[in-house]
Amino acid sequence: MTTDGTRRRTPLVLLEAATLLSGAGNGVATVALPWLVLERTGSATAAGVVAAATALPLLVSSLFSGTVVDLIGRRRTAVVSDALSAISVALIPVVDALLGLNIGWVVVLAALGAVFDPAGLAARETMLPAAAQAAGWRLEQANGVHKAVWGLAFLFGPGVGGVLIAVVGPGNTLWVTAAGFALAVLLVAAVRLPGAGRPKKPPAGLWTGTVEGLRFVWRDPLLRAIALIMMVLVALYLPVEGVLLPAWFVEQGQPARLGSILMTMSIGTVVGSLASSVAGRLIRRRTLLAVALVATGGALLGLAFLPPYPAMLACAALVGIAYGPVGPLSNYAMQTRTPERLRGRVVGVVTSFAYAAGPAGYLLAGPLVEALGIRTAFLWLAGSVLAAAVVAALLPVLRELDSEPLYPPAPPGETAEPALPVGEQSIPTGPRDPAEQR
């Protein structure tokens, strides 16, 4: 490989390495925090409260996260996000050692760590098209790899978390999370890409910029549909990882098996994400998304029957493989239907839709488990996921995934002036942004 080739791929490598470490830190916390609460209280409802306390800040912060990215810059936002997450997670074992940990402390510190997560996610995803262009990659290929890396993070994170819980306990396990965030800070700080620094045309203000992003998403039929689909599916699925599976394996006394199930899902997601860029060349994007959604719901329903452990692993793998293409296809829609100056806000708004129903799902899951039992509650949630997936797959607006991009990135290998961030080089003549048309 030439020195020039290495230099062109360096931003993409740094960006994906930071994504891997940040995601792995979150993956460890996904296992450790519910386990810590269940170990101290023995209550599925308490675990649901902590999960909801983590999700509630996301509801507000995710809505404004993209505007923050467009205001202060992509790289700076990612650095601040991971730094705050590292501090808040490290404080949990520190407070436990000095003052004694109770559910109030867990709620406060978990909420503090979660509040900037959406901004970090939005910042990294808005840098992805420029990193792909610098490396000479197709946008769909970069999206598939990016989501595969995120899945790989949750392959390592929950697996390591489950093993560490069994060896050193959930409190000490959180140090791994803090280390992952700290390393991510160092990596993303070294990324140099057009459009990653201070914005040249930031929004007029936090509220004004957020409203502009909301209007843009809501007026675009495809982006609106994707935002609503993700909101429903995430609200129904998050309690599975955050409450139902931890409650089941606490009851079974098998923390390592919880990590293995989540790790298997992540393996499937890695495979499905990488395969999506190949599948996208063979079948229509709309067809790929429809099949992915329905297959995810069907596999999750199989897992909800809580079959013997080997069968649970098989169902978990199918859930991950089936869901793998959903993220890359959603990213593709946002990247090709959004002008550069609004990209952070669009990513933030669509993410906020997903987070919006999360607290309700978490708060419902705990009482549902205690009222109906783990198996029945799981079947209700999984059946709801399948029903929602079938409805979403039949939406005619998904045909827009196969339309020509409104804001296509420059073709791989083509260069652009450094002052022009990727995404603006190939905009068709005439205004496409509703704000521009006004």
Protein backbone atom coordinates (compact mmCIF):
# COMPACT_ATOMS: atom_id res chain seq x y z
CA MET A 1 0.00 0.00 0.00
CA THR A 2 1.31 3.43 -0.88
CA THR A 3 1.87 6.16 1.64
CA ASP A 4 -0.83 8.22 -0.08
CA GLY A 5 -3.29 5.32 0.12
CA THR A 6 -2.55 4.87 3.80
CA ARG A 7 -3.06 8.59 4.43
CA ARG A 8 -6.41 8.59 2.59
CA ARG A 9 -7.71 5.66 4.66
CA THR A 10 -6.44 6.95 8.01
CA PRO A 11 -9.50 9.11 8.84
CA LEU A 12 -11.86 6.21 8.14
CA VAL A 13 -9.75 3.83 10.26
CA LEU A 14 -9.60 6.31 13.15
CA LEU A 15 -13.32 7.00 12.94
CA GLU A 16 -14.27 3.33 12.94
CA ALA A 17 -11.81 2.51 15.73
CA ALA A 18 -13.39 5.24 17.87
CA THR A 19 -16.83 3.88 17.03
CA LEU A 20 -15.72 0.40 18.03
CA LEU A 21 -14.36 1.51 21.42
CA SER A 22 -17.25 3.81 22.25
CA GLY A 23 -19.77 1.16 21.27
CA ALA A 24 -17.93 -1.51 23.26
CA GLY A 25 -18.08 0.73 26.32
CA ASN A 26 -21.82 1.06 25.87
CA GLY A 27 -22.08 -2.69 25.34
CA VAL A 28 -20.42 -3.43 28.67
CA ALA A 29 -22.76 -0.96 30.39
CA THR A 30 -25.78 -2.59 28.73
CA VAL A 31 -25.01 -5.75 30.71
CA ALA A 32 -23.41 -4.31 33.84
CA LEU A 33 -25.92 -1.65 34.88
CA PRO A 34 -29.09 -3.82 34.84
CA TRP A 35 -27.16 -6.62 36.53
CA LEU A 36 -25.86 -4.26 39.22
CA VAL A 37 -29.38 -3.05 39.99
CA LEU A 38 -30.91 -6.53 39.92
CA GLU A 39 -28.14 -7.80 42.21
CA ARG A 40 -28.71 -5.00 44.74
CA THR A 41 -32.54 -4.86 44.62
CA GLY A 42 -33.78 -8.11 43.07
CA SER A 43 -36.46 -6.06 41.30
CA ALA A 44 -37.11 -6.07 37.54
CA THR A 45 -39.05 -2.83 38.04
CA ALA A 46 -35.96 -1.16 39.55
CA ALA A 47 -33.91 -2.32 36.57
CA GLY A 48 -36.55 -0.83 34.31
CA VAL A 49 -36.41 2.48 36.21
CA VAL A 50 -32.64 2.69 35.77
CA ALA A 51 -32.93 1.82 32.08
CA ALA A 52 -35.62 4.48 31.68
CA ALA A 53 -33.47 7.02 33.55
CA THR A 54 -30.75 6.32 31.01
CA ALA A 55 -33.20 6.67 28.13
CA LEU A 56 -35.03 9.81 29.34
CA PRO A 57 -32.06 12.19 28.81
CA LEU A 58 -31.69 10.70 25.34
CA LEU A 59 -35.21 11.83 24.51
CA VAL A 60 -34.30 15.49 25.00
CA SER A 61 -30.61 15.49 24.16
CA SER A 62 -31.00 13.48 20.95
CA LEU A 63 -33.45 16.04 19.58
CA PHE A 64 -30.86 18.80 19.97
CA SER A 65 -27.78 16.63 19.39
CA GLY A 66 -27.58 17.21 15.65
CA THR A 67 -27.90 20.97 16.13
CA VAL A 68 -25.01 20.82 18.61
CA VAL A 69 -22.97 19.00 15.96
CA ASP A 70 -23.79 21.66 13.35
CA LEU A 71 -23.06 24.44 15.86
CA ILE A 72 -19.71 23.46 17.40
CA GLY A 73 -18.37 20.97 14.89
CA ARG A 74 -18.37 17.21 14.38
CA ARG A 75 -14.98 16.23 15.78
CA ARG A 76 -15.30 18.45 18.86
CA THR A 77 -18.78 17.08 19.64
CA ALA A 78 -17.56 13.48 19.43
CA VAL A 79 -14.63 14.21 21.75
CA VAL A 80 -16.77 15.94 24.39
CA SER A 81 -19.41 13.21 24.24
CA ASP A 82 -17.03 10.33 24.88
CA ALA A 83 -15.13 12.28 27.57
CA LEU A 84 -18.31 12.94 29.55
CA SER A 85 -19.38 9.32 29.18
CA ALA A 86 -16.01 8.11 30.49
CA ILE A 87 -16.21 10.37 33.55
CA SER A 88 -19.78 9.47 34.45
CA VAL A 89 -19.24 5.72 34.13
CA ALA A 90 -16.01 5.81 36.16
CA LEU A 91 -17.82 7.67 38.93
CA ILE A 92 -20.18 4.72 39.56
CA PRO A 93 -17.53 2.42 41.10
CA VAL A 94 -15.85 5.44 42.75
CA VAL A 95 -19.08 6.47 44.48
CA ASP A 96 -19.70 2.83 45.42
CA ALA A 97 -16.30 2.64 47.13
CA LEU A 98 -16.48 6.02 48.91
CA LEU A 99 -20.15 6.53 49.76
CA GLY A 100 -21.97 3.31 49.04
CA LEU A 101 -24.06 2.95 45.90
CA ASN A 102 -27.85 3.10 45.92
CA ILE A 103 -30.37 3.24 43.10
CA GLY A 104 -30.49 7.05 43.27
CA TRP A 105 -26.78 7.34 42.51
CA VAL A 106 -27.07 4.80 39.68
CA VAL A 107 -29.95 6.75 38.14
CA VAL A 108 -28.13 10.11 38.32
CA LEU A 109 -24.80 8.86 36.98
CA ALA A 110 -26.36 6.68 34.27
CA ALA A 111 -28.43 9.66 33.12
CA LEU A 112 -25.35 11.92 33.08
CA GLY A 113 -23.45 9.42 30.96
CA ALA A 114 -26.30 9.04 28.51
CA VAL A 115 -27.09 12.71 27.93
CA PHE A 116 -24.32 13.29 25.34
CA ASP A 117 -24.35 9.86 23.69
CA PRO A 118 -26.68 10.92 20.83
CA ALA A 119 -24.45 13.88 19.96
CA GLY A 120 -21.41 11.60 19.77
CA LEU A 121 -23.27 9.15 17.56
CA ALA A 122 -24.52 11.94 15.27
CA ALA A 123 -21.05 13.49 15.07
CA ARG A 124 -19.38 10.24 13.99
CA GLU A 125 -22.08 9.42 11.44
CA THR A 126 -21.94 12.88 9.86
CA MET A 127 -18.19 12.46 9.33
CA LEU A 128 -18.66 9.09 7.62
CA PRO A 129 -19.36 10.29 4.02
CA ALA A 130 -16.21 12.45 3.99
CA ALA A 131 -14.15 9.58 5.40
CA ALA A 132 -15.57 7.23 2.76
CA GLN A 133 -14.78 9.67 -0.03
CA ALA A 134 -11.21 10.14 1.22
CA ALA A 135 -10.73 6.36 1.22
CA GLY A 136 -12.32 5.98 -2.24
CA TRP A 137 -15.16 3.81 -0.90
CA ARG A 138 -18.77 3.68 -2.11
CA LEU A 139 -21.18 5.21 0.39
CA GLU A 140 -23.13 1.97 0.76
CA GLN A 141 -19.92 0.05 1.46
CA ALA A 142 -18.91 2.54 4.13
CA ASN A 143 -22.36 2.39 5.75
CA GLY A 144 -22.26 -1.40 5.84
CA VAL A 145 -18.82 -1.42 7.43
CA HIS A 146 -19.76 1.33 9.90
CA LYS A 147 -22.81 -0.58 11.14
CA ALA A 148 -20.77 -3.79 11.20
CA VAL A 149 -18.20 -2.07 13.42
CA TRP A 150 -21.01 -0.92 15.72
CA GLY A 151 -22.25 -4.51 15.83
CA LEU A 152 -18.71 -5.72 16.49
CA ALA A 153 -18.56 -3.32 19.43
CA PHE A 154 -21.61 -4.96 20.94
CA LEU A 155 -20.07 -8.33 20.16
CA PHE A 156 -17.12 -7.55 22.43
CA GLY A 157 -18.89 -5.31 24.92
CA PRO A 158 -21.68 -7.56 26.28
CA GLY A 159 -19.52 -10.68 26.02
CA VAL A 160 -16.69 -9.09 27.99
CA GLY A 161 -19.24 -7.57 30.36
CA GLY A 162 -20.91 -10.90 31.11
CA VAL A 163 -17.59 -12.61 31.76
CA LEU A 164 -16.26 -9.77 33.92
CA ILE A 165 -19.45 -9.67 35.98
CA ALA A 166 -18.93 -13.33 36.82
CA VAL A 167 -15.25 -12.75 37.71
CA VAL A 168 -15.00 -9.30 39.36
CA GLY A 169 -18.62 -8.13 39.77
CA PRO A 170 -20.69 -5.52 37.94
CA GLY A 171 -19.18 -2.48 39.71
CA ASN A 172 -15.59 -3.18 38.69
CA THR A 173 -16.77 -4.14 35.22
CA LEU A 174 -17.72 -0.52 34.62
CA TRP A 175 -14.03 0.44 34.57
CA VAL A 176 -13.84 -1.32 31.20
CA THR A 177 -16.57 0.97 29.93
CA ALA A 178 -14.70 4.08 31.06
CA ALA A 179 -11.49 2.86 29.40
CA GLY A 180 -13.31 2.31 26.10
CA PHE A 181 -14.68 5.85 26.09
CA ALA A 182 -11.28 7.34 27.01
CA LEU A 183 -9.52 5.60 24.14
CA ALA A 184 -12.29 6.70 21.75
CA VAL A 185 -11.61 10.32 22.75
CA LEU A 186 -7.95 10.03 21.71
CA LEU A 187 -8.75 8.42 18.36
CA VAL A 188 -11.51 10.74 17.21
CA ALA A 189 -9.46 13.78 18.24
CA ALA A 190 -6.90 12.76 15.60
CA VAL A 191 -9.44 12.64 12.72
CA ARG A 192 -8.85 15.27 10.05
CA LEU A 193 -11.54 15.60 7.38
CA PRO A 194 -13.26 18.37 5.40
CA GLY A 195 -16.29 19.51 7.38
CA ALA A 196 -15.13 17.93 10.68
CA GLY A 197 -13.95 21.18 12.29
CA ARG A 198 -15.80 24.41 13.02
CA PRO A 199 -18.85 24.83 10.76
CA LYS A 200 -18.61 27.68 8.29
CA LYS A 201 -22.38 28.23 8.27
CA PRO A 202 -23.70 27.14 11.69
CA PRO A 203 -27.42 27.34 12.49
CA ALA A 204 -28.77 30.59 13.94
CA GLY A 205 -29.27 29.00 17.35
CA LEU A 206 -30.00 25.76 19.17
CA TRP A 207 -33.78 26.00 19.03
CA THR A 208 -33.98 27.55 15.55
CA GLY A 209 -31.61 24.97 14.10
CA THR A 210 -33.48 22.08 15.71
CA VAL A 211 -36.83 23.29 14.36
CA GLU A 212 -35.29 23.54 10.89
CA GLY A 213 -34.08 19.94 11.14
CA LEU A 214 -37.48 18.73 12.38
CA ARG A 215 -39.26 20.45 9.50
CA PHE A 216 -36.88 19.00 6.97
CA VAL A 217 -37.36 15.42 8.23
CA TRP A 218 -41.13 15.73 8.55
CA ARG A 219 -41.53 17.17 5.03
CA ASP A 220 -39.49 14.37 3.46
CA PRO A 221 -41.82 11.33 3.21
CA LEU A 222 -39.06 8.72 3.30
CA LEU A 223 -37.14 10.26 6.19
CA ARG A 224 -40.39 10.70 8.12
CA ALA A 225 -41.32 7.05 7.57
CA ILE A 226 -37.89 5.79 8.61
CA ALA A 227 -37.96 7.93 11.75
CA LEU A 228 -41.37 6.54 12.77
CA ILE A 229 -40.40 2.93 11.97
CA MET A 230 -37.26 3.20 14.09
CA MET A 231 -39.21 4.80 16.94
CA VAL A 232 -41.66 1.92 17.16
CA LEU A 233 -39.14 -0.90 16.71
CA VAL A 234 -36.57 0.50 19.14
CA ALA A 235 -39.22 1.15 21.81
CA LEU A 236 -40.35 -2.47 21.61
CA TYR A 237 -36.88 -4.01 21.33
CA LEU A 238 -34.78 -2.10 23.88
CA PRO A 239 -36.58 -3.65 26.89
CA VAL A 240 -35.60 -7.08 25.56
CA GLU A 241 -31.89 -6.36 26.05
CA GLY A 242 -32.25 -4.01 29.00
CA VAL A 243 -34.84 -5.82 31.16
CA LEU A 244 -36.21 -9.15 29.86
CA LEU A 245 -33.00 -11.02 29.03
CA PRO A 246 -31.16 -9.78 32.17
CA ALA A 247 -34.16 -10.77 34.32
CA TRP A 248 -34.26 -14.25 32.74
CA PHE A 249 -30.56 -14.95 33.23
CA VAL A 250 -30.53 -13.50 36.75
CA GLU A 251 -33.29 -16.00 37.51
CA GLN A 252 -31.16 -18.73 35.94
CA GLY A 253 -27.96 -17.54 37.67
CA GLN A 254 -26.07 -17.44 34.34
CA PRO A 255 -24.48 -14.00 33.71
CA ALA A 256 -22.04 -15.33 31.11
CA ARG A 257 -24.95 -16.72 29.07
CA LEU A 258 -26.56 -13.27 28.95
CA GLY A 259 -23.35 -11.89 27.49
CA SER A 260 -23.19 -14.77 25.02
CA ILE A 261 -26.73 -14.17 23.77
CA LEU A 262 -26.08 -10.46 23.21
CA MET A 263 -22.70 -11.28 21.69
CA THR A 264 -24.35 -13.70 19.25
CA MET A 265 -26.82 -11.03 18.19
CA SER A 266 -23.89 -8.73 17.53
CA ILE A 267 -22.12 -11.37 15.42
CA GLY A 268 -25.27 -11.65 13.36
CA THR A 269 -25.50 -7.88 13.01
CA VAL A 270 -21.91 -7.71 11.80
CA VAL A 271 -22.62 -10.36 9.17
CA GLY A 272 -25.90 -8.77 8.12
CA SER A 273 -24.41 -5.29 7.88
CA LEU A 274 -21.47 -6.41 5.77
CA ALA A 275 -23.76 -8.48 3.55
CA SER A 276 -26.10 -5.53 2.99
CA SER A 277 -23.70 -3.76 0.63
CA VAL A 278 -23.54 -6.90 -1.52
CA ALA A 279 -27.27 -7.60 -1.29
CA GLY A 280 -27.98 -4.01 -2.31
CA ARG A 281 -26.43 -4.73 -5.70
CA LEU A 282 -28.63 -7.78 -6.28
CA ILE A 283 -32.08 -6.66 -5.07
CA ARG A 284 -33.88 -3.37 -4.59
CA ARG A 285 -33.19 -1.46 -1.40
CA ARG A 286 -36.91 -1.35 -0.58
CA THR A 287 -37.14 -5.15 -0.87
CA LEU A 288 -34.03 -5.62 1.25
CA LEU A 289 -35.43 -3.37 4.00
CA ALA A 290 -38.84 -5.09 3.98
CA VAL A 291 -37.31 -8.57 4.24
CA ALA A 292 -34.93 -7.43 6.98
CA LEU A 293 -37.71 -5.96 9.13
CA VAL A 294 -40.05 -8.96 8.90
CA ALA A 295 -37.27 -11.51 9.40
CA THR A 296 -36.10 -9.63 12.48
CA GLY A 297 -39.55 -9.79 14.03
CA GLY A 298 -39.90 -13.50 13.26
CA ALA A 299 -36.52 -14.40 14.75
CA LEU A 300 -37.21 -12.34 17.87
CA LEU A 301 -40.50 -14.17 18.34
CA GLY A 302 -38.61 -17.46 18.26
CA LEU A 303 -36.26 -16.15 20.95
CA ALA A 304 -39.24 -15.04 23.05
CA PHE A 305 -40.30 -18.65 23.60
CA LEU A 306 -37.11 -18.95 25.69
CA PRO A 307 -36.16 -22.33 24.21
CA PRO A 308 -33.13 -24.36 25.36
CA TYR A 309 -29.89 -22.39 25.34
CA PRO A 310 -28.54 -23.67 21.97
CA ALA A 311 -31.82 -22.73 20.28
CA MET A 312 -31.69 -19.30 21.95
CA LEU A 313 -28.24 -18.77 20.46
CA ALA A 314 -29.56 -19.70 17.00
CA CYS A 315 -32.50 -17.30 17.29
CA ALA A 316 -30.20 -14.54 18.56
CA ALA A 317 -27.93 -15.00 15.53
CA LEU A 318 -30.92 -14.77 13.18
CA VAL A 319 -32.14 -11.59 14.88
CA GLY A 320 -28.76 -9.96 14.29
CA ILE A 321 -28.37 -11.13 10.68
CA ALA A 322 -31.88 -10.03 9.76
CA TYR A 323 -31.54 -6.60 11.37
CA GLY A 324 -28.08 -5.96 9.92
CA PRO A 325 -29.22 -4.15 6.72
CA VAL A 326 -31.64 -1.80 8.51
CA GLY A 327 -28.99 0.59 9.85
CA PRO A 328 -27.00 0.97 6.61
CA LEU A 329 -30.19 1.56 4.61
CA SER A 330 -31.40 4.19 7.08
CA ASN A 331 -28.01 5.92 6.93
CA TYR A 332 -28.08 5.85 3.13
CA ALA A 333 -31.47 7.57 3.10
CA MET A 334 -30.30 10.32 5.46
CA GLN A 335 -27.03 10.89 3.60
CA THR A 336 -28.52 11.07 0.11
CA ARG A 337 -31.62 13.11 0.94
CA THR A 338 -29.99 15.75 3.17
CA PRO A 339 -27.80 18.76 2.27
CA GLU A 340 -24.45 19.02 4.03
CA ARG A 341 -25.39 21.91 6.30
CA LEU A 342 -28.37 19.98 7.71
CA ARG A 343 -26.83 16.52 8.00
CA GLY A 344 -26.08 16.67 11.72
CA ARG A 345 -29.58 17.85 12.52
CA VAL A 346 -31.26 15.21 10.36
CA VAL A 347 -29.25 12.41 12.00
CA GLY A 348 -30.10 13.87 15.41
CA VAL A 349 -33.81 14.20 14.68
CA VAL A 350 -34.17 10.67 13.29
CA THR A 351 -32.24 9.34 16.29
CA SER A 352 -34.49 11.30 18.65
CA PHE A 353 -37.56 9.63 17.16
CA ALA A 354 -36.04 6.26 18.06
CA TYR A 355 -35.26 7.40 21.59
CA ALA A 356 -38.65 9.07 22.10
CA ALA A 357 -40.55 5.88 22.91
CA GLY A 358 -37.65 4.19 24.71
CA PRO A 359 -38.53 5.33 28.26
CA ALA A 360 -42.12 4.14 27.87
CA GLY A 361 -40.92 0.74 26.69
CA TYR A 362 -38.51 0.39 29.61
CA LEU A 363 -41.06 1.46 32.20
CA LEU A 364 -43.64 -0.91 30.75
CA ALA A 365 -41.31 -3.91 30.66
CA GLY A 366 -40.63 -4.18 34.41
CA PRO A 367 -44.29 -4.25 35.55
CA LEU A 368 -45.13 -6.46 32.57
CA VAL A 369 -42.57 -9.03 33.73
CA GLU A 370 -43.80 -8.94 37.30
CA ALA A 371 -47.47 -9.17 36.25
CA LEU A 372 -47.25 -11.79 33.48
CA GLY A 373 -43.91 -13.50 34.01
CA ILE A 374 -40.83 -13.24 31.84
CA ARG A 375 -41.93 -15.65 29.10
CA THR A 376 -45.40 -14.15 28.54
CA ALA A 377 -44.09 -10.57 28.65
CA PHE A 378 -41.38 -11.49 26.16
CA LEU A 379 -43.94 -13.05 23.79
CA TRP A 380 -46.11 -9.94 23.91
CA LEU A 381 -43.21 -7.65 23.06
CA ALA A 382 -41.79 -9.90 20.33
CA GLY A 383 -45.22 -10.34 18.75
CA SER A 384 -45.64 -6.57 18.71
CA VAL A 385 -42.26 -6.18 16.98
CA LEU A 386 -43.30 -8.64 14.26
CA ALA A 387 -46.67 -6.91 13.71
CA ALA A 388 -45.00 -3.49 13.46
CA ALA A 389 -42.39 -4.87 11.03
CA VAL A 390 -45.05 -6.30 8.71
CA VAL A 391 -46.93 -2.98 8.63
CA ALA A 392 -43.70 -1.06 7.95
CA ALA A 393 -42.62 -3.43 5.17
CA LEU A 394 -45.84 -2.71 3.25
CA LEU A 395 -45.46 1.08 3.22
CA PRO A 396 -45.36 2.38 -0.41
CA VAL A 397 -43.05 5.27 0.53
CA LEU A 398 -40.15 2.84 0.96
CA ARG A 399 -39.93 2.75 -2.85
CA GLU A 400 -38.11 6.09 -2.53
CA LEU A 401 -35.06 4.14 -1.34
CA ASP A 402 -34.55 3.13 -4.98
CA SER A 403 -34.94 6.66 -6.36
CA GLU A 404 -32.00 8.75 -7.55
CA PRO A 405 -30.19 10.48 -4.63
CA LEU A 406 -31.18 14.10 -4.08
CA TYR A 407 -27.76 14.91 -2.60
CA PRO A 408 -25.36 12.23 -3.84
CA PRO A 409 -21.76 12.24 -2.60
CA ALA A 410 -19.01 12.62 -5.16
CA PRO A 411 -18.17 9.30 -6.89
CA PRO A 412 -15.33 7.25 -5.32
CA GLY A 413 -11.91 8.42 -6.40
CA GLU A 414 -13.01 11.91 -7.40
CA THR A 415 -11.49 14.77 -5.48
CA ALA A 416 -13.12 17.96 -4.37
CA GLU A 417 -11.93 21.32 -3.15
CA PRO A 418 -11.05 21.01 0.58
CA ALA A 419 -13.35 23.93 1.40
CA LEU A 420 -16.37 21.99 0.07
CA PRO A 421 -17.45 19.20 2.43
CA VAL A 422 -18.53 15.95 0.82
CA GLY A 423 -22.16 15.89 -0.19
CA GLU A 424 -22.17 19.36 -1.76
CA GLN A 425 -20.01 18.60 -4.78
CA SER A 426 -22.70 16.78 -6.76
CA ILE A 427 -25.91 18.58 -5.78
CA PRO A 428 -28.22 18.80 -8.81
CA THR A 429 -28.96 22.26 -10.15
CA GLY A 430 -31.85 23.95 -8.35
CA PRO A 431 -32.84 24.05 -4.71
CA ARG A 432 -33.70 20.71 -3.08
CA ASP A 433 -33.84 21.88 0.54
CA PRO A 434 -37.36 23.09 1.50
CA ALA A 435 -35.70 25.88 3.50
CA GLU A 436 -33.88 26.98 0.35
CA GLN A 437 -37.10 26.90 -1.66
CA ARG A 438 -38.70 29.31 0.80
